[in-house]
């Protein structure tokens, strides 16, 4: 018998096994991060910042299922540890799906309306228990504003997970200059390589890399190494960790998770998580958690 699955989901579509592996790494590190800092960070609380929150779930086309995204995982498991959650999503339809999904999942009430800041024009979804703010805006602008104006004593975990080449290198620099931050970035390796070879796309590569110092015909490994070395010019975050992720059954597309922080213990913990032998097994298990795992 042949089963066909039609995407009737309202959620972001396009995930695969490497998406699940990325989420495994994120969630396991959040467990380490909150365990360590809950008892050791005494100065200003912990904030979770998610720059590309999407719709709350990711639709896996191949399987016809939705899996929980980063924001749901952070709120579900760590709302007692994080004092504030700041989520960003530029697409208005995705923004509304996100706050509706969170409201339904966690029985929350959001006050949704225009921002009350003069000369700004975007929507905000507000929940006060737990403290969640979802901004329908370009996260490069939003996160940079937050870093420049918010309490600088709070420690942030910042997850940067863009679709395409939309995360500016300058945003990372702003976060690193702020300090008190651990950053996990989804670097769009294949996207950078392909765009570097196409002159009309060089602007996107320039925004991602931060300058014009990159080859037009490099390998995926070269682009990751160049990005890593540029970050490591900030000696406080050396060494920067990278983890290339390609789905074992489809190696046409790759992204690399890039991790930057100033704490050796946190870095060592993330290195162990990234290099674990059971990563892909756990990624497969994520599909089973949808409730449809027995079919595959």
Protein backbone atom coordinates (compact mmCIF):
# COMPACT_ATOMS: atom_id res chain seq x y z
CA UNK A 1 0.00 0.00 0.00
CA UNK A 2 1.28 3.49 -0.86
CA UNK A 3 0.63 6.36 1.53
CA UNK A 4 0.65 9.95 0.30
CA UNK A 5 0.89 12.90 2.63
CA UNK A 6 -0.44 16.29 1.63
CA UNK A 7 0.90 19.36 3.39
CA UNK A 8 -2.19 20.75 5.11
CA UNK A 9 0.01 22.41 7.73
CA UNK A 10 0.18 26.15 8.34
CA UNK A 11 3.74 25.77 9.54
CA UNK A 12 7.07 26.53 7.92
CA UNK A 13 7.82 23.85 5.36
CA UNK A 14 11.13 22.38 4.27
CA UNK A 15 12.76 20.63 7.21
CA UNK A 16 14.54 17.29 7.04
CA UNK A 17 16.75 15.08 9.20
CA UNK A 18 19.45 17.72 9.66
CA UNK A 19 16.73 20.07 10.95
CA UNK A 20 15.95 17.53 13.65
CA UNK A 21 19.67 17.14 14.45
CA UNK A 22 19.97 20.91 14.83
CA UNK A 23 17.09 20.93 17.31
CA UNK A 24 18.62 18.06 19.28
CA UNK A 25 21.84 20.07 19.67
CA UNK A 26 19.92 23.21 20.63
CA UNK A 27 17.81 21.50 23.27
CA UNK A 28 20.67 19.55 24.84
CA UNK A 29 22.75 22.70 25.12
CA UNK A 30 19.85 24.65 26.64
CA UNK A 31 19.75 21.99 29.34
CA UNK A 32 23.44 22.57 30.09
CA UNK A 33 23.15 26.35 29.84
CA UNK A 34 20.21 26.67 32.22
CA UNK A 35 21.64 24.15 34.68
CA UNK A 36 24.93 26.05 34.95
CA UNK A 37 23.64 29.62 34.91
CA UNK A 38 20.55 29.12 37.07
CA UNK A 39 22.84 28.72 40.06
CA UNK A 40 25.83 30.80 38.94
CA UNK A 41 24.50 33.94 37.22
CA UNK A 42 23.51 36.37 39.96
CA UNK A 43 23.56 39.69 38.17
CA UNK A 44 20.53 40.10 35.91
CA UNK A 45 18.59 36.99 35.00
CA UNK A 46 18.59 34.84 31.87
CA UNK A 47 16.99 35.78 28.56
CA UNK A 48 16.21 33.57 25.58
CA UNK A 49 16.48 35.42 22.25
CA UNK A 50 15.33 33.69 19.04
CA UNK A 51 15.91 35.74 15.90
CA UNK A 52 13.99 33.70 13.32
CA UNK A 53 11.21 31.97 15.23
CA UNK A 54 9.09 30.96 12.26
CA UNK A 55 5.66 29.53 13.01
CA UNK A 56 6.58 27.52 16.11
CA UNK A 57 6.78 24.22 14.26
CA UNK A 58 8.56 22.93 11.16
CA UNK A 59 6.78 20.82 8.57
CA UNK A 60 8.85 17.85 7.39
CA UNK A 61 7.74 17.44 3.79
CA UNK A 62 9.17 13.97 3.34
CA UNK A 63 7.31 12.63 6.36
CA UNK A 64 4.20 14.79 6.27
CA UNK A 65 4.58 15.74 9.93
CA UNK A 66 5.19 18.83 12.07
CA UNK A 67 7.91 18.89 14.72
CA UNK A 68 8.31 21.43 17.51
CA UNK A 69 10.61 24.32 16.71
CA UNK A 70 13.09 26.19 18.86
CA UNK A 71 10.68 28.58 20.60
CA UNK A 72 8.29 25.82 21.70
CA UNK A 73 11.15 23.73 23.06
CA UNK A 74 12.64 26.65 24.98
CA UNK A 75 9.33 27.68 26.53
CA UNK A 76 8.14 24.15 27.28
CA UNK A 77 11.26 22.97 29.06
CA UNK A 78 12.93 26.12 30.35
CA UNK A 79 10.33 28.76 31.19
CA UNK A 80 11.27 28.40 34.87
CA UNK A 81 14.89 29.22 34.03
CA UNK A 82 14.54 32.09 31.56
CA UNK A 83 13.17 35.36 32.89
CA UNK A 84 12.28 36.67 29.44
CA UNK A 85 11.73 35.28 25.94
CA UNK A 86 12.26 37.58 22.96
CA UNK A 87 11.12 36.08 19.65
CA UNK A 88 11.38 37.67 16.21
CA UNK A 89 9.54 36.79 13.00
CA UNK A 90 9.35 39.16 10.04
CA UNK A 91 6.70 37.35 7.96
CA UNK A 92 3.29 38.56 9.20
CA UNK A 93 1.46 35.30 8.49
CA UNK A 94 4.16 33.34 10.30
CA UNK A 95 4.05 35.84 13.18
CA UNK A 96 0.33 35.24 13.69
CA UNK A 97 0.70 31.47 13.37
CA UNK A 98 3.50 31.60 15.95
CA UNK A 99 1.58 33.42 18.69
CA UNK A 100 -1.54 31.35 17.99
CA UNK A 101 0.49 28.13 18.20
CA UNK A 102 2.11 29.15 21.49
CA UNK A 103 -1.23 30.27 22.93
CA UNK A 104 -2.84 26.94 22.11
CA UNK A 105 0.12 24.80 23.19
CA UNK A 106 0.68 26.46 26.56
CA UNK A 107 -2.78 27.89 27.27
CA UNK A 108 -1.46 31.45 27.08
CA UNK A 109 -3.10 34.77 26.29
CA UNK A 110 -1.32 37.22 23.99
CA UNK A 111 -2.15 40.89 23.58
CA UNK A 112 -1.45 41.52 19.89
CA UNK A 113 -1.21 44.99 18.40
CA UNK A 114 1.04 47.70 16.98
CA UNK A 115 4.16 48.62 18.90
CA UNK A 116 3.65 51.67 21.11
CA UNK A 117 7.00 53.24 20.22
CA UNK A 118 6.96 56.49 18.20
CA UNK A 119 8.21 56.23 14.61
CA UNK A 120 8.08 52.41 14.66
CA UNK A 121 5.57 50.35 12.71
CA UNK A 122 5.41 46.65 13.50
CA UNK A 123 3.24 44.23 15.45
CA UNK A 124 4.00 42.86 18.90
CA UNK A 125 2.43 39.89 20.68
CA UNK A 126 2.74 40.27 24.45
CA UNK A 127 2.36 37.70 27.19
CA UNK A 128 3.39 38.49 30.78
CA UNK A 129 3.30 35.04 32.41
CA UNK A 130 5.71 33.79 31.26
CA UNK A 131 7.23 36.98 29.88
CA UNK A 132 7.19 36.58 26.08
CA UNK A 133 7.50 39.27 23.44
CA UNK A 134 7.11 38.34 19.78
CA UNK A 135 8.12 41.09 17.36
CA UNK A 136 7.05 41.09 13.71
CA UNK A 137 10.14 42.82 12.39
CA UNK A 138 13.60 42.32 10.91
CA UNK A 139 15.53 40.67 13.72
CA UNK A 140 18.80 42.29 12.67
CA UNK A 141 17.30 45.63 13.66
CA UNK A 142 15.34 44.30 16.61
CA UNK A 143 18.12 42.34 18.28
CA UNK A 144 20.61 45.15 17.75
CA UNK A 145 18.19 47.60 19.38
CA UNK A 146 17.63 45.21 22.29
CA UNK A 147 21.38 44.74 22.76
CA UNK A 148 21.99 48.49 22.75
CA UNK A 149 19.14 49.53 25.06
CA UNK A 150 18.12 46.65 27.34
CA UNK A 151 19.56 45.54 30.67
CA UNK A 152 23.16 44.55 29.95
CA UNK A 153 23.46 42.50 33.14
CA UNK A 154 21.11 39.78 31.89
CA UNK A 155 22.79 36.79 30.27
CA UNK A 156 21.40 35.85 26.86
CA UNK A 157 21.21 32.63 24.98
CA UNK A 158 20.71 33.74 21.38
CA UNK A 159 19.64 31.32 18.65
CA UNK A 160 20.09 32.65 15.10
CA UNK A 161 18.37 30.30 12.66
CA UNK A 162 17.67 32.15 9.39
CA UNK A 163 16.03 31.02 6.21
CA UNK A 164 18.54 31.98 3.54
CA UNK A 165 21.20 34.64 3.91
CA UNK A 166 19.26 37.03 6.13
CA UNK A 167 21.39 37.06 9.30
CA UNK A 168 23.85 39.94 9.10
CA UNK A 169 27.36 39.53 10.43
CA UNK A 170 27.01 42.99 11.98
CA UNK A 171 24.24 41.61 14.22
CA UNK A 172 26.64 39.03 15.65
CA UNK A 173 29.21 41.75 16.23
CA UNK A 174 26.63 43.79 18.16
CA UNK A 175 25.80 40.78 20.33
CA UNK A 176 29.45 39.99 20.99
CA UNK A 177 30.22 43.61 21.81
CA UNK A 178 27.36 43.56 24.33
CA UNK A 179 28.85 40.55 26.09
CA UNK A 180 27.10 38.16 28.48
CA UNK A 181 25.86 36.04 25.59
CA UNK A 182 26.10 32.53 24.19
CA UNK A 183 25.32 32.37 20.46
CA UNK A 184 24.26 29.39 18.36
CA UNK A 185 24.10 30.32 14.66
CA UNK A 186 22.81 28.30 11.74
CA UNK A 187 25.33 29.27 9.05
CA UNK A 188 23.84 28.68 5.60
CA UNK A 189 26.90 26.97 4.13
CA UNK A 190 25.50 25.75 0.82
CA UNK A 191 23.61 29.01 0.35
CA UNK A 192 26.78 31.05 0.82
CA UNK A 193 28.74 28.85 -1.60
CA UNK A 194 26.09 29.07 -4.33
CA UNK A 195 25.51 32.80 -3.86
CA UNK A 196 29.24 33.56 -3.93
CA UNK A 197 29.36 32.05 -7.43
CA UNK A 198 26.50 34.28 -8.66
CA UNK A 199 27.38 37.95 -9.07
CA UNK A 200 23.79 39.14 -8.54
CA UNK A 201 23.79 37.49 -5.08
CA UNK A 202 27.05 38.97 -3.80
CA UNK A 203 25.20 41.51 -1.66
CA UNK A 204 23.65 38.72 0.39
CA UNK A 205 27.05 37.06 0.86
CA UNK A 206 28.56 40.39 1.87
CA UNK A 207 25.89 40.89 4.55
CA UNK A 208 26.45 37.36 5.85
CA UNK A 209 30.24 37.43 5.84
CA UNK A 210 30.61 41.07 6.90
CA UNK A 211 32.98 42.14 4.12
CA UNK A 212 34.21 41.25 0.62
CA UNK A 213 37.09 39.04 1.72
CA UNK A 214 35.84 35.67 0.42
CA UNK A 215 36.34 33.65 -2.78
CA UNK A 216 33.76 33.45 -5.54
CA UNK A 217 34.44 29.77 -6.14
CA UNK A 218 35.33 28.24 -2.78
CA UNK A 219 34.35 24.97 -1.18
CA UNK A 220 31.80 24.72 1.59
CA UNK A 221 34.61 24.02 4.06
CA UNK A 222 36.46 27.18 2.97
CA UNK A 223 33.48 29.46 3.59
CA UNK A 224 32.89 28.02 7.05
CA UNK A 225 36.56 28.35 7.94
CA UNK A 226 36.69 31.96 6.75
CA UNK A 227 33.61 32.82 8.81
CA UNK A 228 35.02 31.08 11.88
CA UNK A 229 38.37 32.86 11.57
CA UNK A 230 36.67 36.24 11.20
CA UNK A 231 34.71 35.63 14.41
CA UNK A 232 37.86 34.53 16.20
CA UNK A 233 39.40 37.93 15.65
CA UNK A 234 37.49 38.55 18.88
CA UNK A 235 39.95 36.70 21.11
CA UNK A 236 37.48 36.39 23.99
CA UNK A 237 35.44 33.77 22.09
CA UNK A 238 38.31 31.62 20.82
CA UNK A 239 37.94 28.89 19.78
CA UNK A 240 34.64 29.16 17.92
CA UNK A 241 33.02 25.74 17.43
CA UNK A 242 31.48 24.51 14.17
CA UNK A 243 29.42 21.46 13.30
CA UNK A 244 28.57 20.64 9.69
CA UNK A 245 25.15 19.03 9.25
CA UNK A 246 24.12 17.12 6.14
CA UNK A 247 21.27 14.65 6.15
CA UNK A 248 22.86 11.20 5.71
CA UNK A 249 20.52 10.39 2.80
CA UNK A 250 20.75 13.79 1.08
CA UNK A 251 24.07 15.64 0.99
CA UNK A 252 23.08 18.28 -1.55
CA UNK A 253 22.47 20.89 1.14
CA UNK A 254 24.56 21.59 4.22
CA UNK A 255 24.46 24.07 7.03
CA UNK A 256 26.92 24.50 9.88
CA UNK A 257 26.05 25.27 13.46
CA UNK A 258 28.47 27.86 14.82
CA UNK A 259 28.80 28.35 18.57
CA UNK A 260 30.45 31.30 20.27
CA UNK A 261 30.80 32.05 23.97
CA UNK A 262 33.45 33.20 26.44
CA UNK A 263 33.22 30.32 28.92
CA UNK A 264 35.51 27.31 28.53
CA UNK A 265 33.17 24.98 30.42
CA UNK A 266 30.20 25.88 28.23
CA UNK A 267 32.33 25.47 25.13
CA UNK A 268 33.47 22.03 26.24
CA UNK A 269 29.88 20.97 26.91
CA UNK A 270 28.75 22.12 23.47
CA UNK A 271 31.67 20.35 21.82
CA UNK A 272 30.59 17.08 23.44
CA UNK A 273 27.00 17.61 22.31
CA UNK A 274 28.02 18.39 18.74
CA UNK A 275 30.38 15.42 18.48
CA UNK A 276 28.19 12.76 20.10
CA UNK A 277 27.90 9.42 18.29
CA UNK A 278 24.13 9.20 18.77
CA UNK A 279 23.17 12.52 17.13
CA UNK A 280 21.53 11.05 14.03
CA UNK A 281 19.77 8.37 16.03
CA UNK A 282 18.27 11.08 18.21
CA UNK A 283 17.33 13.07 15.10
CA UNK A 284 15.39 10.06 13.80
CA UNK A 285 13.67 9.81 17.18
CA UNK A 286 12.40 13.38 16.74
CA UNK A 287 10.21 12.17 13.89
CA UNK A 288 8.73 9.51 16.14
CA UNK A 289 7.76 12.14 18.72
CA UNK A 290 5.24 13.53 16.23
CA UNK A 291 3.02 10.56 17.03
CA UNK A 292 3.43 9.11 13.54
CA UNK A 293 6.78 7.42 14.00
CA UNK A 294 5.38 3.90 13.62
CA UNK A 295 4.45 4.62 10.03
CA UNK A 296 8.02 5.23 8.89
